[in-house]
PDB file of N, CA and C in Angstrom:
ATOM      1  N   MET A   1     108.860 115.531 116.007  1.00  0.00           N
ATOM      2  CA  MET A   1     108.452 114.279 115.404  1.00  0.00           C
ATOM      3  C   MET A   1     109.073 114.202 114.011  1.00  0.00           C
ATOM      4  N   ARG A   2     109.603 113.048 113.686  1.00  0.00           N
ATOM      5  CA  ARG A   2     110.225 112.832 112.374  1.00  0.00           C
ATOM      6  C   ARG A   2     109.354 111.874 111.573  1.00  0.00           C
ATOM      7  N   ILE A   3     109.009 112.300 110.369  1.00  0.00           N
ATOM      8  CA  ILE A   3     108.088 111.548 109.524  1.00  0.00           C
ATOM      9  C   ILE A   3     108.768 111.173 108.210  1.00  0.00           C
ATOM     10  N   LEU A   4     108.606 109.932 107.824  1.00  0.00           N
ATOM     11  CA  LEU A   4     109.118 109.429 106.560  1.00  0.00           C
ATOM     12  C   LEU A   4     107.964 109.337 105.571  1.00  0.00           C
ATOM     13  N   ALA A   5     108.179 109.832 104.355  1.00  0.00           N
ATOM     14  CA  ALA A   5     107.195 109.721 103.273  1.00  0.00           C
ATOM     15  C   ALA A   5     107.884 109.067 102.085  1.00  0.00           C
ATOM     16  N   VAL A   6     107.301 107.994 101.573  1.00  0.00           N
ATOM     17  CA  VAL A   6     107.883 107.297 100.420  1.00  0.00           C
ATOM     18  C   VAL A   6     106.787 107.076  99.385  1.00  0.00           C
ATOM     19  N   GLU A   7     107.006 107.641  98.215  1.00  0.00           N
ATOM     20  CA  GLU A   7     106.060 107.580  97.089  1.00  0.00           C
ATOM     21  C   GLU A   7     106.876 107.711  95.812  1.00  0.00           C
ATOM     22  N   ASP A   8     106.692 106.798  94.867  1.00  0.00           N
ATOM     23  CA  ASP A   8     107.520 106.831  93.656  1.00  0.00           C
ATOM     24  C   ASP A   8     107.031 107.784  92.569  1.00  0.00           C
ATOM     25  N   GLU A   9     105.856 108.338  92.713  1.00  0.00           N
ATOM     26  CA  GLU A   9     105.352 109.323  91.750  1.00  0.00           C
ATOM     27  C   GLU A   9     105.668 110.729  92.286  1.00  0.00           C
ATOM     28  N   PRO A  10     106.523 111.504  91.593  1.00  0.00           N
ATOM     29  CA  PRO A  10     106.962 112.808  92.112  1.00  0.00           C
ATOM     30  C   PRO A  10     105.830 113.761  92.493  1.00  0.00           C
ATOM     31  N   ILE A  11     104.810 113.844  91.686  1.00  0.00           N
ATOM     32  CA  ILE A  11     103.702 114.758  91.992  1.00  0.00           C
ATOM     33  C   ILE A  11     102.971 114.297  93.252  1.00  0.00           C
ATOM     34  N   LEU A  12     102.737 112.994  93.366  1.00  0.00           N
ATOM     35  CA  LEU A  12     102.052 112.465  94.546  1.00  0.00           C
ATOM     36  C   LEU A  12     102.911 112.593  95.801  1.00  0.00           C
ATOM     37  N   LEU A  13     104.232 112.464  95.652  1.00  0.00           N
ATOM     38  CA  LEU A  13     105.132 112.654  96.793  1.00  0.00           C
ATOM     39  C   LEU A  13     105.066 114.098  97.280  1.00  0.00           C
ATOM     40  N   ARG A  14     105.062 115.023  96.353  1.00  0.00           N
ATOM     41  CA  ARG A  14     104.957 116.446  96.710  1.00  0.00           C
ATOM     42  C   ARG A  14     103.626 116.720  97.424  1.00  0.00           C
ATOM     43  N   GLN A  15     102.547 116.173  96.884  1.00  0.00           N
ATOM     44  CA  GLN A  15     101.229 116.361  97.511  1.00  0.00           C
ATOM     45  C   GLN A  15     101.180 115.735  98.902  1.00  0.00           C
ATOM     46  N   LEU A  16     101.745 114.549  99.039  1.00  0.00           N
ATOM     47  CA  LEU A  16     101.754 113.871 100.332  1.00  0.00           C
ATOM     48  C   LEU A  16     102.526 114.692 101.363  1.00  0.00           C
ATOM     49  N   THR A  17     103.688 115.175 101.007  1.00  0.00           N
ATOM     50  CA  THR A  17     104.469 115.959 101.969  1.00  0.00           C
ATOM     51  C   THR A  17     103.745 117.256 102.332  1.00  0.00           C
ATOM     52  N   LEU A  18     103.069 117.867 101.365  1.00  0.00           N
ATOM     53  CA  LEU A  18     102.291 119.078 101.672  1.00  0.00           C
ATOM     54  C   LEU A  18     101.155 118.771 102.643  1.00  0.00           C
ATOM     55  N   ARG A  19     100.461 117.666 102.441  1.00  0.00           N
ATOM     56  CA  ARG A  19      99.349 117.295 103.321  1.00  0.00           C
ATOM     57  C   ARG A  19      99.846 116.966 104.729  1.00  0.00           C
ATOM     58  N   ILE A  20     100.984 116.288 104.809  1.00  0.00           N
ATOM     59  CA  ILE A  20     101.557 115.988 106.125  1.00  0.00           C
ATOM     60  C   ILE A  20     101.927 117.292 106.828  1.00  0.00           C
ATOM     61  N   ARG A  21     102.547 118.205 106.091  1.00  0.00           N
ATOM     62  CA  ARG A  21     102.952 119.489 106.667  1.00  0.00           C
ATOM     63  C   ARG A  21     101.729 120.276 107.146  1.00  0.00           C
ATOM     64  N   GLU A  22     100.626 120.208 106.406  1.00  0.00           N
ATOM     65  CA  GLU A  22      99.386 120.877 106.829  1.00  0.00           C
ATOM     66  C   GLU A  22      98.877 120.290 108.145  1.00  0.00           C
ATOM     67  N   ALA A  23      98.905 118.968 108.255  1.00  0.00           N
ATOM     68  CA  ALA A  23      98.367 118.296 109.428  1.00  0.00           C
ATOM     69  C   ALA A  23      99.318 118.356 110.629  1.00  0.00           C
ATOM     70  N   LEU A  24     100.614 118.313 110.361  1.00  0.00           N
ATOM     71  CA  LEU A  24     101.628 118.279 111.426  1.00  0.00           C
ATOM     72  C   LEU A  24     102.742 119.288 111.108  1.00  0.00           C
ATOM     73  N   PRO A  25     102.463 120.572 111.210  1.00  0.00           N
ATOM     74  CA  PRO A  25     103.403 121.602 110.752  1.00  0.00           C
ATOM     75  C   PRO A  25     104.750 121.638 111.479  1.00  0.00           C
ATOM     76  N   GLU A  26     104.816 121.134 112.687  1.00  0.00           N
ATOM     77  CA  GLU A  26     106.067 121.172 113.452  1.00  0.00           C
ATOM     78  C   GLU A  26     106.977 119.974 113.176  1.00  0.00           C
ATOM     79  N   SER A  27     106.529 119.047 112.358  1.00  0.00           N
ATOM     80  CA  SER A  27     107.280 117.821 112.111  1.00  0.00           C
ATOM     81  C   SER A  27     108.387 118.011 111.087  1.00  0.00           C
ATOM     82  N   GLU A  28     109.414 117.172 111.224  1.00  0.00           N
ATOM     83  CA  GLU A  28     110.466 117.071 110.214  1.00  0.00           C
ATOM     84  C   GLU A  28     110.033 115.958 109.259  1.00  0.00           C
ATOM     85  N   ILE A  29     109.965 116.266 107.976  1.00  0.00           N
ATOM     86  CA  ILE A  29     109.550 115.283 106.974  1.00  0.00           C
ATOM     87  C   ILE A  29     110.749 114.933 106.109  1.00  0.00           C
ATOM     88  N   VAL A  30     111.060 113.657 106.020  1.00  0.00           N
ATOM     89  CA  VAL A  30     112.080 113.171 105.100  1.00  0.00           C
ATOM     90  C   VAL A  30     111.351 112.374 104.034  1.00  0.00           C
ATOM     91  N   ALA A  31     111.575 112.744 102.777  1.00  0.00           N
ATOM     92  CA  ALA A  31     110.803 112.154 101.684  1.00  0.00           C
ATOM     93  C   ALA A  31     111.728 111.505 100.660  1.00  0.00           C
ATOM     94  N   PHE A  32     111.273 110.385 100.137  1.00  0.00           N
ATOM     95  CA  PHE A  32     112.033 109.639  99.140  1.00  0.00           C
ATOM     96  C   PHE A  32     111.093 109.135  98.055  1.00  0.00           C
ATOM     97  N   ASP A  33     111.650 109.001  96.842  1.00  0.00           N
ATOM     98  CA  ASP A  33     110.852 108.487  95.734  1.00  0.00           C
ATOM     99  C   ASP A  33     111.135 107.019  95.447  1.00  0.00           C
ATOM    100  N   ASN A  34     111.934 106.380  96.335  1.00  0.00           N
ATOM    101  CA  ASN A  34     112.181 104.954  96.167  1.00  0.00           C
ATOM    102  C   ASN A  34     112.523 104.328  97.514  1.00  0.00           C
ATOM    103  N   ALA A  35     112.266 103.051  97.621  1.00  0.00           N
ATOM    104  CA  ALA A  35     112.452 102.335  98.885  1.00  0.00           C
ATOM    105  C   ALA A  35     113.917 102.175  99.247  1.00  0.00           C
ATOM    106  N   ASP A  36     114.788 101.975  98.265  1.00  0.00           N
ATOM    107  CA  ASP A  36     116.203 101.767  98.556  1.00  0.00           C
ATOM    108  C   ASP A  36     116.823 102.968  99.267  1.00  0.00           C
ATOM    109  N   ASP A  37     116.530 104.177  98.797  1.00  0.00           N
ATOM    110  CA  ASP A  37     117.054 105.376  99.455  1.00  0.00           C
ATOM    111  C   ASP A  37     116.463 105.538 100.849  1.00  0.00           C
ATOM    112  N   ALA A  38     115.203 105.197 101.009  1.00  0.00           N
ATOM    113  CA  ALA A  38     114.564 105.282 102.322  1.00  0.00           C
ATOM    114  C   ALA A  38     115.227 104.312 103.298  1.00  0.00           C
ATOM    115  N   ILE A  39     115.502 103.095 102.848  1.00  0.00           N
ATOM    116  CA  ILE A  39     116.165 102.100 103.700  1.00  0.00           C
ATOM    117  C   ILE A  39     117.562 102.576 104.074  1.00  0.00           C
ATOM    118  N   ALA A  40     118.282 103.136 103.112  1.00  0.00           N
ATOM    119  CA  ALA A  40     119.636 103.629 103.384  1.00  0.00           C
ATOM    120  C   ALA A  40     119.633 104.759 104.411  1.00  0.00           C
ATOM    121  N   ALA A  41     118.561 105.536 104.457  1.00  0.00           N
ATOM    122  CA  ALA A  41     118.478 106.677 105.374  1.00  0.00           C
ATOM    123  C   ALA A  41     117.997 106.298 106.768  1.00  0.00           C
ATOM    124  N   LEU A  42     117.480 105.095 106.954  1.00  0.00           N
ATOM    125  CA  LEU A  42     116.924 104.711 108.253  1.00  0.00           C
ATOM    126  C   LEU A  42     117.891 104.898 109.424  1.00  0.00           C
ATOM    127  N   PRO A  43     119.167 104.564 109.284  1.00  0.00           N
ATOM    128  CA  PRO A  43     120.053 104.733 110.435  1.00  0.00           C
ATOM    129  C   PRO A  43     120.330 106.194 110.826  1.00  0.00           C
ATOM    130  N   SER A  44     119.935 107.141 109.988  1.00  0.00           N
ATOM    131  CA  SER A  44     120.277 108.544 110.254  1.00  0.00           C
ATOM    132  C   SER A  44     119.385 109.221 111.293  1.00  0.00           C
ATOM    133  N   GLY A  45     118.390 108.560 111.792  1.00  0.00           N
ATOM    134  CA  GLY A  45     117.547 109.152 112.829  1.00  0.00           C
ATOM    135  C   GLY A  45     116.261 108.390 113.026  1.00  0.00           C
ATOM    136  N   VAL A  46     115.683 108.547 114.185  1.00  0.00           N
ATOM    137  CA  VAL A  46     114.438 107.857 114.542  1.00  0.00           C
ATOM    138  C   VAL A  46     113.305 108.313 113.629  1.00  0.00           C
ATOM    139  N   ILE A  47     112.485 107.377 113.222  1.00  0.00           N
ATOM    140  CA  ILE A  47     111.287 107.660 112.442  1.00  0.00           C
ATOM    141  C   ILE A  47     110.089 107.374 113.347  1.00  0.00           C
ATOM    142  N   HIS A  48     109.214 108.358 113.508  1.00  0.00           N
ATOM    143  CA  HIS A  48     108.045 108.188 114.361  1.00  0.00           C
ATOM    144  C   HIS A  48     106.819 107.704 113.576  1.00  0.00           C
ATOM    145  N   ILE A  49     106.655 108.230 112.363  1.00  0.00           N
ATOM    146  CA  ILE A  49     105.550 107.840 111.494  1.00  0.00           C
ATOM    147  C   ILE A  49     106.102 107.661 110.084  1.00  0.00           C
ATOM    148  N   ALA A  50     105.663 106.622 109.398  1.00  0.00           N
ATOM    149  CA  ALA A  50     106.065 106.403 108.009  1.00  0.00           C
ATOM    150  C   ALA A  50     104.815 106.317 107.141  1.00  0.00           C
ATOM    151  N   PHE A  51     104.751 107.166 106.130  1.00  0.00           N
ATOM    152  CA  PHE A  51     103.686 107.128 105.131  1.00  0.00           C
ATOM    153  C   PHE A  51     104.263 106.442 103.908  1.00  0.00           C
ATOM    154  N   LEU A  52     103.736 105.286 103.555  1.00  0.00           N
ATOM    155  CA  LEU A  52     104.313 104.462 102.501  1.00  0.00           C
ATOM    156  C   LEU A  52     103.297 104.137 101.417  1.00  0.00           C
ATOM    157  N   ASP A  53     103.707 104.346 100.175  1.00  0.00           N
ATOM    158  CA  ASP A  53     102.916 103.870  99.049  1.00  0.00           C
ATOM    159  C   ASP A  53     103.003 102.344  99.042  1.00  0.00           C
ATOM    160  N   ILE A  54     102.038 101.677  98.489  1.00  0.00           N
ATOM    161  CA  ILE A  54     102.079 100.217  98.407  1.00  0.00           C
ATOM    162  C   ILE A  54     103.051  99.760  97.318  1.00  0.00           C
ATOM    163  N   ALA A  55     102.977 100.361  96.145  1.00  0.00           N
ATOM    164  CA  ALA A  55     103.864  99.997  95.038  1.00  0.00           C
ATOM    165  C   ALA A  55     104.933 101.079  94.892  1.00  0.00           C
ATOM    166  N   ILE A  56     106.181 100.715  95.237  1.00  0.00           N
ATOM    167  CA  ILE A  56     107.284 101.683  95.200  1.00  0.00           C
ATOM    168  C   ILE A  56     108.389 101.106  94.316  1.00  0.00           C
ATOM    169  N   GLY A  57     108.273 101.287  93.028  1.00  0.00           N
ATOM    170  CA  GLY A  57     109.303 100.791  92.119  1.00  0.00           C
ATOM    171  C   GLY A  57     109.453  99.287  92.215  1.00  0.00           C
ATOM    172  N   ASN A  58     110.699  98.844  92.496  1.00  0.00           N
ATOM    173  CA  ASN A  58     110.992  97.405  92.527  1.00  0.00           C
ATOM    174  C   ASN A  58     110.689  96.755  93.878  1.00  0.00           C
ATOM    175  N   ARG A  59     110.183  97.509  94.835  1.00  0.00           N
ATOM    176  CA  ARG A  59     109.816  96.978  96.149  1.00  0.00           C
ATOM    177  C   ARG A  59     108.364  97.337  96.434  1.00  0.00           C
ATOM    178  N   THR A  60     107.863  96.802  97.525  1.00  0.00           N
ATOM    179  CA  THR A  60     106.522  97.187  97.946  1.00  0.00           C
ATOM    180  C   THR A  60     106.609  97.935  99.275  1.00  0.00           C
ATOM    181  N   GLY A  61     105.567  98.680  99.559  1.00  0.00           N
ATOM    182  CA  GLY A  61     105.491  99.357 100.844  1.00  0.00           C
ATOM    183  C   GLY A  61     105.469  98.360 101.991  1.00  0.00           C
ATOM    184  N   VAL A  62     104.929  97.186 101.734  1.00  0.00           N
ATOM    185  CA  VAL A  62     104.899  96.127 102.746  1.00  0.00           C
ATOM    186  C   VAL A  62     106.326  95.704 103.082  1.00  0.00           C
ATOM    187  N   ASP A  63     107.172  95.513 102.058  1.00  0.00           N
ATOM    188  CA  ASP A  63     108.583  95.175 102.291  1.00  0.00           C
ATOM    189  C   ASP A  63     109.267  96.269 103.106  1.00  0.00           C
ATOM    190  N   LEU A  64     109.033  97.504 102.705  1.00  0.00           N
ATOM    191  CA  LEU A  64     109.644  98.634 103.392  1.00  0.00           C
ATOM    192  C   LEU A  64     109.157  98.724 104.836  1.00  0.00           C
ATOM    193  N   ALA A  65     107.895  98.460 105.056  1.00  0.00           N
ATOM    194  CA  ALA A  65     107.343  98.486 106.418  1.00  0.00           C
ATOM    195  C   ALA A  65     108.058  97.479 107.314  1.00  0.00           C
ATOM    196  N   ARG A  66     108.386  96.327 106.773  1.00  0.00           N
ATOM    197  CA  ARG A  66     109.118  95.315 107.558  1.00  0.00           C
ATOM    198  C   ARG A  66     110.477  95.848 108.000  1.00  0.00           C
ATOM    199  N   TYR A  67     111.208  96.507 107.077  1.00  0.00           N
ATOM    200  CA  TYR A  67     112.505  97.100 107.421  1.00  0.00           C
ATOM    201  C   TYR A  67     112.344  98.155 108.515  1.00  0.00           C
ATOM    202  N   ILE A  68     111.358  99.011 108.342  1.00  0.00           N
ATOM    203  CA  ILE A  68     111.144 100.105 109.300  1.00  0.00           C
ATOM    204  C   ILE A  68     110.792  99.556 110.672  1.00  0.00           C
ATOM    205  N   LYS A  69     109.880  98.593 110.724  1.00  0.00           N
ATOM    206  CA  LYS A  69     109.469  98.018 112.001  1.00  0.00           C
ATOM    207  C   LYS A  69     110.626  97.302 112.695  1.00  0.00           C
ATOM    208  N   ALA A  70     111.536  96.710 111.914  1.00  0.00           N
ATOM    209  CA  ALA A  70     112.709  96.060 112.511  1.00  0.00           C
ATOM    210  C   ALA A  70     113.629  97.108 113.147  1.00  0.00           C
ATOM    211  N   ALA A  71     113.780  98.251 112.502  1.00  0.00           N
ATOM    212  CA  ALA A  71     114.642  99.310 113.021  1.00  0.00           C
ATOM    213  C   ALA A  71     113.970 100.129 114.116  1.00  0.00           C
ATOM    214  N   TYR A  72     112.677 100.400 113.955  1.00  0.00           N
ATOM    215  CA  TYR A  72     111.919 101.252 114.876  1.00  0.00           C
ATOM    216  C   TYR A  72     110.568 100.601 115.178  1.00  0.00           C
ATOM    217  N   PRO A  73     110.544  99.659 116.099  1.00  0.00           N
ATOM    218  CA  PRO A  73     109.301  98.920 116.373  1.00  0.00           C
ATOM    219  C   PRO A  73     108.122  99.801 116.776  1.00  0.00           C
ATOM    220  N   GLN A  74     108.385 100.954 117.358  1.00  0.00           N
ATOM    221  CA  GLN A  74     107.305 101.838 117.806  1.00  0.00           C
ATOM    222  C   GLN A  74     106.785 102.756 116.695  1.00  0.00           C
ATOM    223  N   CYS A  75     107.400 102.705 115.524  1.00  0.00           N
ATOM    224  CA  CYS A  75     107.004 103.575 114.411  1.00  0.00           C
ATOM    225  C   CYS A  75     105.591 103.231 113.939  1.00  0.00           C
ATOM    226  N   ASP A  76     104.778 104.255 113.759  1.00  0.00           N
ATOM    227  CA  ASP A  76     103.450 104.063 113.176  1.00  0.00           C
ATOM    228  C   ASP A  76     103.585 104.003 111.658  1.00  0.00           C
ATOM    229  N   ILE A  77     103.007 103.000 111.053  1.00  0.00           N
ATOM    230  CA  ILE A  77     103.040 102.829 109.603  1.00  0.00           C
ATOM    231  C   ILE A  77     101.671 103.178 109.044  1.00  0.00           C
ATOM    232  N   VAL A  78     101.662 104.072 108.053  1.00  0.00           N
ATOM    233  CA  VAL A  78     100.433 104.460 107.371  1.00  0.00           C
ATOM    234  C   VAL A  78     100.653 104.207 105.881  1.00  0.00           C
ATOM    235  N   PHE A  79      99.855 103.320 105.320  1.00  0.00           N
ATOM    236  CA  PHE A  79      99.961 103.056 103.895  1.00  0.00           C
ATOM    237  C   PHE A  79      99.075 104.039 103.138  1.00  0.00           C
ATOM    238  N   THR A  80      99.596 104.557 102.036  1.00  0.00           N
ATOM    239  CA  THR A  80      98.845 105.464 101.168  1.00  0.00           C
ATOM    240  C   THR A  80      98.804 104.817  99.788  1.00  0.00           C
ATOM    241  N   THR A  81      97.611 104.560  99.292  1.00  0.00           N
ATOM    242  CA  THR A  81      97.525 103.795  98.055  1.00  0.00           C
ATOM    243  C   THR A  81      96.183 103.983  97.366  1.00  0.00           C
ATOM    244  N   GLY A  82      96.130 103.539  96.151  1.00  0.00           N
ATOM    245  CA  GLY A  82      94.892 103.519  95.403  1.00  0.00           C
ATOM    246  C   GLY A  82      94.321 102.112  95.323  1.00  0.00           C
ATOM    247  N   TYR A  83      94.944 101.169  96.025  1.00  0.00           N
ATOM    248  CA  TYR A  83      94.561  99.768  95.953  1.00  0.00           C
ATOM    249  C   TYR A  83      94.014  99.271  97.287  1.00  0.00           C
ATOM    250  N   SER A  84      92.733  99.027  97.354  1.00  0.00           N
ATOM    251  CA  SER A  84      92.133  98.590  98.610  1.00  0.00           C
ATOM    252  C   SER A  84      92.443  97.130  98.940  1.00  0.00           C
ATOM    253  N   GLU A  85      92.818  96.326  97.952  1.00  0.00           N
ATOM    254  CA  GLU A  85      93.017  94.898  98.193  1.00  0.00           C
ATOM    255  C   GLU A  85      94.224  94.579  99.076  1.00  0.00           C
ATOM    256  N   TYR A  86      95.127  95.544  99.290  1.00  0.00           N
ATOM    257  CA  TYR A  86      96.297  95.303 100.130  1.00  0.00           C
ATOM    258  C   TYR A  86      96.026  95.598 101.609  1.00  0.00           C
ATOM    259  N   ALA A  87      94.871  96.119 101.932  1.00  0.00           N
ATOM    260  CA  ALA A  87      94.570  96.507 103.312  1.00  0.00           C
ATOM    261  C   ALA A  87      94.716  95.350 104.305  1.00  0.00           C
ATOM    262  N   PRO A  88      94.174  94.171 104.032  1.00  0.00           N
ATOM    263  CA  PRO A  88      94.334  93.091 105.028  1.00  0.00           C
ATOM    264  C   PRO A  88      95.796  92.783 105.355  1.00  0.00           C
ATOM    265  N   LYS A  89      96.647  92.722 104.332  1.00  0.00           N
ATOM    266  CA  LYS A  89      98.073  92.445 104.554  1.00  0.00           C
ATOM    267  C   LYS A  89      98.722  93.570 105.349  1.00  0.00           C
ATOM    268  N   ALA A  90      98.346  94.799 105.043  1.00  0.00           N
ATOM    269  CA  ALA A  90      98.901  95.957 105.747  1.00  0.00           C
ATOM    270  C   ALA A  90      98.578  95.881 107.234  1.00  0.00           C
ATOM    271  N   PHE A  91      97.342  95.551 107.562  1.00  0.00           N
ATOM    272  CA  PHE A  91      96.961  95.492 108.967  1.00  0.00           C
ATOM    273  C   PHE A  91      97.555  94.274 109.672  1.00  0.00           C
ATOM    274  N   GLU A  92      97.815  93.198 108.931  1.00  0.00           N
ATOM    275  CA  GLU A  92      98.524  92.053 109.512  1.00  0.00           C
ATOM    276  C   GLU A  92      99.907  92.465 109.992  1.00  0.00           C
ATOM    277  N   LEU A  93     100.525  93.409 109.280  1.00  0.00           N
ATOM    278  CA  LEU A  93     101.852  93.897 109.644  1.00  0.00           C
ATOM    279  C   LEU A  93     101.810  94.944 110.753  1.00  0.00           C
ATOM    280  N   GLY A  94     100.622  95.269 111.205  1.00  0.00           N
ATOM    281  CA  GLY A  94     100.506  96.241 112.283  1.00  0.00           C
ATOM    282  C   GLY A  94     100.401  97.678 111.815  1.00  0.00           C
ATOM    283  N   ALA A  95      99.915  97.895 110.600  1.00  0.00           N
ATOM    284  CA  ALA A  95      99.743  99.262 110.106  1.00  0.00           C
ATOM    285  C   ALA A  95      98.798 100.033 111.016  1.00  0.00           C
ATOM    286  N   SER A  96      99.111 101.298 111.228  1.00  0.00           N
ATOM    287  CA  SER A  96      98.255 102.161 112.038  1.00  0.00           C
ATOM    288  C   SER A  96      97.059 102.649 111.240  1.00  0.00           C
ATOM    289  N   ASP A  97      97.260 102.795 109.925  1.00  0.00           N
ATOM    290  CA  ASP A  97      96.173 103.266 109.072  1.00  0.00           C
ATOM    291  C   ASP A  97      96.457 102.889 107.629  1.00  0.00           C
ATOM    292  N   TYR A  98      95.438 103.026 106.815  1.00  0.00           N
ATOM    293  CA  TYR A  98      95.497 102.683 105.394  1.00  0.00           C
ATOM    294  C   TYR A  98      94.670 103.738 104.681  1.00  0.00           C
ATOM    295  N   LEU A  99      95.338 104.708 104.060  1.00  0.00           N
ATOM    296  CA  LEU A  99      94.651 105.828 103.428  1.00  0.00           C
ATOM    297  C   LEU A  99      94.566 105.642 101.925  1.00  0.00           C
ATOM    298  N   MET A 100      93.370 105.777 101.421  1.00  0.00           N
ATOM    299  CA  MET A 100      93.188 105.725  99.974  1.00  0.00           C
ATOM    300  C   MET A 100      93.551 107.084  99.381  1.00  0.00           C
ATOM    301  N   LYS A 101      94.233 107.064  98.249  1.00  0.00           N
ATOM    302  CA  LYS A 101      94.594 108.297  97.555  1.00  0.00           C
ATOM    303  C   LYS A 101      93.360 108.880  96.909  1.00  0.00           C
ATOM    304  N   PRO A 102      93.260 110.188  96.806  1.00  0.00           N
ATOM    305  CA  PRO A 102      94.251 111.171  97.218  1.00  0.00           C
ATOM    306  C   PRO A 102      94.210 111.394  98.736  1.00  0.00           C
ATOM    307  N   VAL A 103      95.388 111.586  99.303  1.00  0.00           N
ATOM    308  CA  VAL A 103      95.518 111.841 100.732  1.00  0.00           C
ATOM    309  C   VAL A 103      95.232 113.322 100.985  1.00  0.00           C
ATOM    310  N   THR A 104      94.437 113.573 102.007  1.00  0.00           N
ATOM    311  CA  THR A 104      94.146 114.950 102.395  1.00  0.00           C
ATOM    312  C   THR A 104      94.659 115.186 103.804  1.00  0.00           C
ATOM    313  N   ALA A 105      94.798 116.432 104.198  1.00  0.00           N
ATOM    314  CA  ALA A 105      95.248 116.769 105.544  1.00  0.00           C
ATOM    315  C   ALA A 105      94.264 116.225 106.581  1.00  0.00           C
ATOM    316  N   LYS A 106      92.979 116.239 106.268  1.00  0.00           N
ATOM    317  CA  LYS A 106      91.963 115.734 107.192  1.00  0.00           C
ATOM    318  C   LYS A 106      92.120 114.235 107.434  1.00  0.00           C
ATOM    319  N   LYS A 107      92.386 113.465 106.369  1.00  0.00           N
ATOM    320  CA  LYS A 107      92.584 112.019 106.515  1.00  0.00           C
ATOM    321  C   LYS A 107      93.754 111.769 107.425  1.00  0.00           C
TER     322      LYS A 107
END
């Protein structure tokens, strides 16, 4: 399974990748600190699950989710954020889950 993690805060990105690795140790995790690099990497392989921050620099996780869903319609999108007000929009886009930070392996 190939998992994409996108978070613009370096410490939170490190924590997110560690939590994903704890929960899914056999997975390949590709991590980025900005949406542009994540979009550029999409053609390099199938993404099964994407963990996306809501606010990612000059883009939003919602924008990035649209790109991912266009490339990989079966990809599960999980938003990771500290903002609960974006949940309705996330689920309108077909998000599989919406995790409030801090993300834990159990979540």
